[in-house]
Amino acid sequence: MPGVMDFYFDFISPFSYLAHTQLPDIAARHGRDIVYHPVDLKALKLDGGNTGPTTRDMPLKYRYSGTDMQRWAGRYGVKITRPTGHAKGSDRLNKGAFLAEDRGVTRDYVTAAWQRVWCDGGDMSDEALIGDVAVELGWDRDEFLAFIDSTDTETRYRASTQAAHDRGVFGVPTMMVGDEMWWGNDRLDFMEEFLAG
C-alpha cells in the first residue's frame, strides 16, 4: 500500500495552488497518495497565534507577493492570475472538497477549482463559479450548493481545520509525511529530499 502525503490547503492561497501544480508528480515519483485537507486559513492562523494583518492589508508585501507568485509560476511553467473577489473568502469552495472526497475525485475537484480561480482569475466566492466547478465534474449544481451550505459540511470544515491545528499546522500550504512537516511552496525540495531518503 502506498504511503500518504497530507496536503493542507485553502483556495485563497496562491502558494497552495502553486504547490498543487507540483505535488502530484512528486507523490508519483515516491509512491505516495495525496490526502487533501481543506482548512479555513484565517481560523488556522488565529488558532496558531497569528493575529497580524493579512498580506492584502500590507501594500508593500502584497505588491511583492504578486512578483513572487509570478516568479514561482514561471519556474513551474504554469499560469497564475490574481483572482477577483479575493477578499470575499474561499470557505464555500473549500467545503466542496468534502463532496469530492466522498466521491473519490478530490484531485479533480481541486484542480478544476484552482484552474478557475488562480489560472483564470475568477471570483472564488462567486456562486456561479462554484457551481460551474461542480458541473464540470458532472455533478448537479443545486445539490452541490446545498451540500456546501449544509450544517454537516460546516461541521466537517471546522473539524478539518481543528485537526490540522492539532497536528501543528499554522498556515498553508503545509505538507506532512508522518510527523514530518513542510510549510510553504518553497519547501517542496526539502520534502522531496526527505522522501528520497
Protein backbone atom coordinates (compact mmCIF):
# COMPACT_ATOMS: atom_id res chain seq x y z
CA MET A 1 0.00 0.00 0.00
CA PRO A 2 1.43 3.42 -0.92
CA GLY A 3 2.36 5.85 1.79
CA VAL A 4 0.42 9.03 2.35
CA MET A 5 1.30 12.67 1.84
CA ASP A 6 -1.09 15.02 3.66
CA PHE A 7 -1.71 18.35 1.93
CA TYR A 8 -3.36 21.17 3.87
CA PHE A 9 -4.70 23.94 1.66
CA ASP A 10 -7.12 26.83 1.30
CA PHE A 11 -8.18 28.04 -2.15
CA ILE A 12 -7.47 31.60 -1.02
CA SER A 13 -3.75 30.80 -1.03
CA PRO A 14 -1.83 31.25 -4.30
CA PHE A 15 1.04 29.29 -2.87
CA SER A 16 -1.27 26.35 -2.17
CA TYR A 17 -2.19 26.46 -5.86
CA LEU A 18 1.47 26.58 -6.86
CA ALA A 19 2.32 23.66 -4.58
CA HIS A 20 -0.59 21.68 -6.02
CA THR A 21 0.83 22.07 -9.53
CA GLN A 22 3.89 20.11 -8.38
CA LEU A 23 2.64 17.68 -5.73
CA PRO A 24 1.04 15.02 -7.95
CA ASP A 25 4.33 14.46 -9.77
CA ILE A 26 6.32 14.43 -6.53
CA ALA A 27 3.87 11.97 -4.99
CA ALA A 28 4.04 9.72 -8.05
CA ARG A 29 7.85 9.69 -8.02
CA HIS A 30 7.85 8.49 -4.43
CA GLY A 31 4.86 6.15 -4.41
CA ARG A 32 2.68 8.40 -2.27
CA ASP A 33 -1.04 9.08 -2.27
CA ILE A 34 -2.02 12.70 -1.60
CA VAL A 35 -4.69 13.21 1.03
CA TYR A 36 -6.22 16.67 0.62
CA HIS A 37 -7.30 18.60 3.71
CA PRO A 38 -9.27 21.81 3.11
CA VAL A 39 -8.88 24.24 6.00
CA ASP A 40 -10.02 27.72 6.96
CA LEU A 41 -6.72 29.60 6.74
CA LYS A 42 -7.95 32.61 8.71
CA ALA A 43 -9.12 30.43 11.61
CA LEU A 44 -5.98 28.30 11.44
CA LYS A 45 -3.74 31.36 11.68
CA LEU A 46 -5.70 32.78 14.59
CA ASP A 47 -5.59 29.42 16.39
CA GLY A 48 -1.83 29.42 15.86
CA GLY A 49 -1.44 32.87 17.43
CA ASN A 50 -1.08 34.84 14.20
CA THR A 51 -3.28 37.87 14.84
CA GLY A 52 -1.49 40.22 12.46
CA PRO A 53 -2.83 41.78 9.28
CA THR A 54 -3.34 39.82 6.09
CA THR A 55 -0.97 40.22 3.18
CA ARG A 56 -3.68 42.20 1.38
CA ASP A 57 -3.63 44.71 4.24
CA MET A 58 0.11 45.38 3.78
CA PRO A 59 0.55 47.13 0.42
CA LEU A 60 4.30 46.61 0.10
CA LYS A 61 4.09 42.92 0.96
CA TYR A 62 1.02 42.48 -1.25
CA ARG A 63 2.84 44.00 -4.23
CA TYR A 64 5.90 41.85 -3.60
CA SER A 65 3.80 38.70 -3.20
CA GLY A 66 2.47 39.25 -6.72
CA THR A 67 6.03 39.34 -8.04
CA ASP A 68 6.93 36.24 -6.04
CA MET A 69 3.88 34.38 -7.34
CA GLN A 70 4.86 35.16 -10.93
CA ARG A 71 8.43 34.01 -10.33
CA TRP A 72 7.27 30.68 -8.98
CA ALA A 73 4.72 30.27 -11.76
CA GLY A 74 7.50 30.93 -14.27
CA ARG A 75 9.74 28.36 -12.64
CA TYR A 76 6.96 25.78 -12.75
CA GLY A 77 5.77 26.71 -16.24
CA VAL A 78 2.21 27.39 -15.08
CA LYS A 79 -0.14 30.34 -15.33
CA ILE A 80 -1.15 32.39 -12.30
CA THR A 81 -3.60 35.31 -12.20
CA ARG A 82 -4.75 37.12 -9.08
CA PRO A 83 -8.47 36.39 -8.78
CA THR A 84 -11.23 38.93 -8.50
CA GLY A 85 -13.19 38.82 -5.24
CA HIS A 86 -10.11 37.56 -3.40
CA ALA A 87 -11.07 39.32 -0.17
CA LYS A 88 -14.54 37.76 -0.04
CA GLY A 89 -13.25 34.39 1.02
CA SER A 90 -12.98 30.81 -0.08
CA ASP A 91 -14.99 28.89 2.51
CA ARG A 92 -17.69 27.60 0.16
CA LEU A 93 -15.18 26.46 -2.46
CA ASN A 94 -13.09 24.81 0.27
CA LYS A 95 -16.12 22.93 1.57
CA GLY A 96 -16.79 21.47 -1.86
CA ALA A 97 -13.66 19.37 -1.45
CA PHE A 98 -15.54 17.21 1.04
CA LEU A 99 -18.06 16.09 -1.58
CA ALA A 100 -15.15 15.40 -3.91
CA GLU A 101 -13.56 13.33 -1.15
CA ASP A 102 -16.80 11.40 -0.66
CA ARG A 103 -16.85 10.66 -4.40
CA GLY A 104 -13.16 9.82 -4.69
CA VAL A 105 -12.27 12.72 -7.01
CA THR A 106 -10.61 15.25 -4.71
CA ARG A 107 -7.66 15.86 -7.02
CA ASP A 108 -10.01 16.51 -9.96
CA TYR A 109 -12.04 18.94 -7.87
CA VAL A 110 -9.13 20.97 -6.53
CA THR A 111 -7.52 21.08 -9.97
CA ALA A 112 -10.73 22.36 -11.56
CA ALA A 113 -11.29 24.91 -8.80
CA TRP A 114 -7.74 26.24 -8.92
CA GLN A 115 -7.95 26.48 -12.72
CA ARG A 116 -10.96 28.78 -12.46
CA VAL A 117 -9.58 30.87 -9.61
CA TRP A 118 -5.79 31.17 -9.84
CA CYS A 119 -5.37 30.49 -13.58
CA ASP A 120 -8.43 32.26 -14.98
CA GLY A 121 -8.68 34.88 -12.21
CA GLY A 122 -12.28 34.10 -11.30
CA ASP A 123 -14.04 35.18 -8.11
CA MET A 124 -13.66 32.29 -5.68
CA SER A 125 -16.72 33.41 -3.72
CA ASP A 126 -18.98 33.65 -6.78
CA GLU A 127 -21.80 31.13 -6.66
CA ALA A 128 -21.83 30.74 -10.43
CA LEU A 129 -18.13 29.86 -10.49
CA ILE A 130 -18.53 27.45 -7.58
CA GLY A 131 -21.47 25.77 -9.28
CA ASP A 132 -19.58 25.59 -12.58
CA VAL A 133 -16.83 23.57 -10.90
CA ALA A 134 -19.46 21.04 -9.82
CA VAL A 135 -20.98 20.88 -13.30
CA GLU A 136 -17.53 20.36 -14.83
CA LEU A 137 -17.26 17.23 -12.68
CA GLY A 138 -20.70 16.03 -13.76
CA TRP A 139 -22.47 16.92 -10.53
CA ASP A 140 -25.85 18.54 -10.05
CA ARG A 141 -25.27 22.23 -9.34
CA ASP A 142 -28.14 22.66 -6.85
CA GLU A 143 -27.28 19.51 -4.91
CA PHE A 144 -23.66 20.63 -4.70
CA LEU A 145 -24.57 24.11 -3.44
CA ALA A 146 -26.91 22.58 -0.86
CA PHE A 147 -24.11 20.27 0.26
CA ILE A 148 -21.56 23.04 0.79
CA ASP A 149 -24.09 25.16 2.68
CA SER A 150 -25.22 22.36 4.99
CA THR A 151 -24.60 22.27 8.72
CA ASP A 152 -22.94 18.86 8.37
CA THR A 153 -20.41 20.21 5.89
CA GLU A 154 -19.68 23.22 8.09
CA THR A 155 -19.01 20.78 10.94
CA ARG A 156 -16.59 18.79 8.75
CA TYR A 157 -14.83 22.01 7.73
CA ARG A 158 -14.36 23.11 11.33
CA ALA A 159 -13.18 19.62 12.27
CA SER A 160 -10.66 19.57 9.40
CA THR A 161 -9.28 22.93 10.49
CA GLN A 162 -9.06 21.82 14.12
CA ALA A 163 -7.38 18.54 13.18
CA ALA A 164 -4.80 20.50 11.19
CA HIS A 165 -4.15 22.76 14.18
CA ASP A 166 -3.83 19.72 16.44
CA ARG A 167 -1.08 18.37 14.13
CA GLY A 168 0.81 21.65 14.38
CA VAL A 169 -0.30 23.19 11.09
CA PHE A 170 -0.38 27.00 11.24
CA GLY A 171 -0.50 28.03 7.59
CA VAL A 172 -0.88 26.79 4.03
CA PRO A 173 0.31 25.12 2.01
CA THR A 174 1.50 22.55 4.50
CA MET A 175 2.62 19.08 3.52
CA MET A 176 3.12 16.26 6.01
CA VAL A 177 4.59 12.79 5.69
CA GLY A 178 4.09 11.04 9.00
CA ASP A 179 5.22 13.53 11.63
CA GLU A 180 7.49 15.47 9.26
CA MET A 181 6.05 18.83 8.19
CA TRP A 182 6.93 21.35 5.48
CA TRP A 183 5.21 24.73 5.28
CA GLY A 184 5.29 26.66 2.06
CA ASN A 185 5.56 26.09 -1.64
CA ASP A 186 9.27 26.87 -1.31
CA ARG A 187 9.81 23.79 0.87
CA LEU A 188 8.91 21.18 -1.72
CA ASP A 189 12.58 20.43 -2.43
CA PHE A 190 13.19 19.67 1.25
CA MET A 191 10.18 17.36 1.28
CA GLU A 192 11.36 15.54 -1.82
CA GLU A 193 14.83 15.09 -0.34
CA PHE A 194 13.18 13.51 2.70
CA LEU A 195 11.07 11.22 0.51
CA ALA A 196 14.13 10.16 -1.45
CA GLY A 197 15.63 9.14 1.90
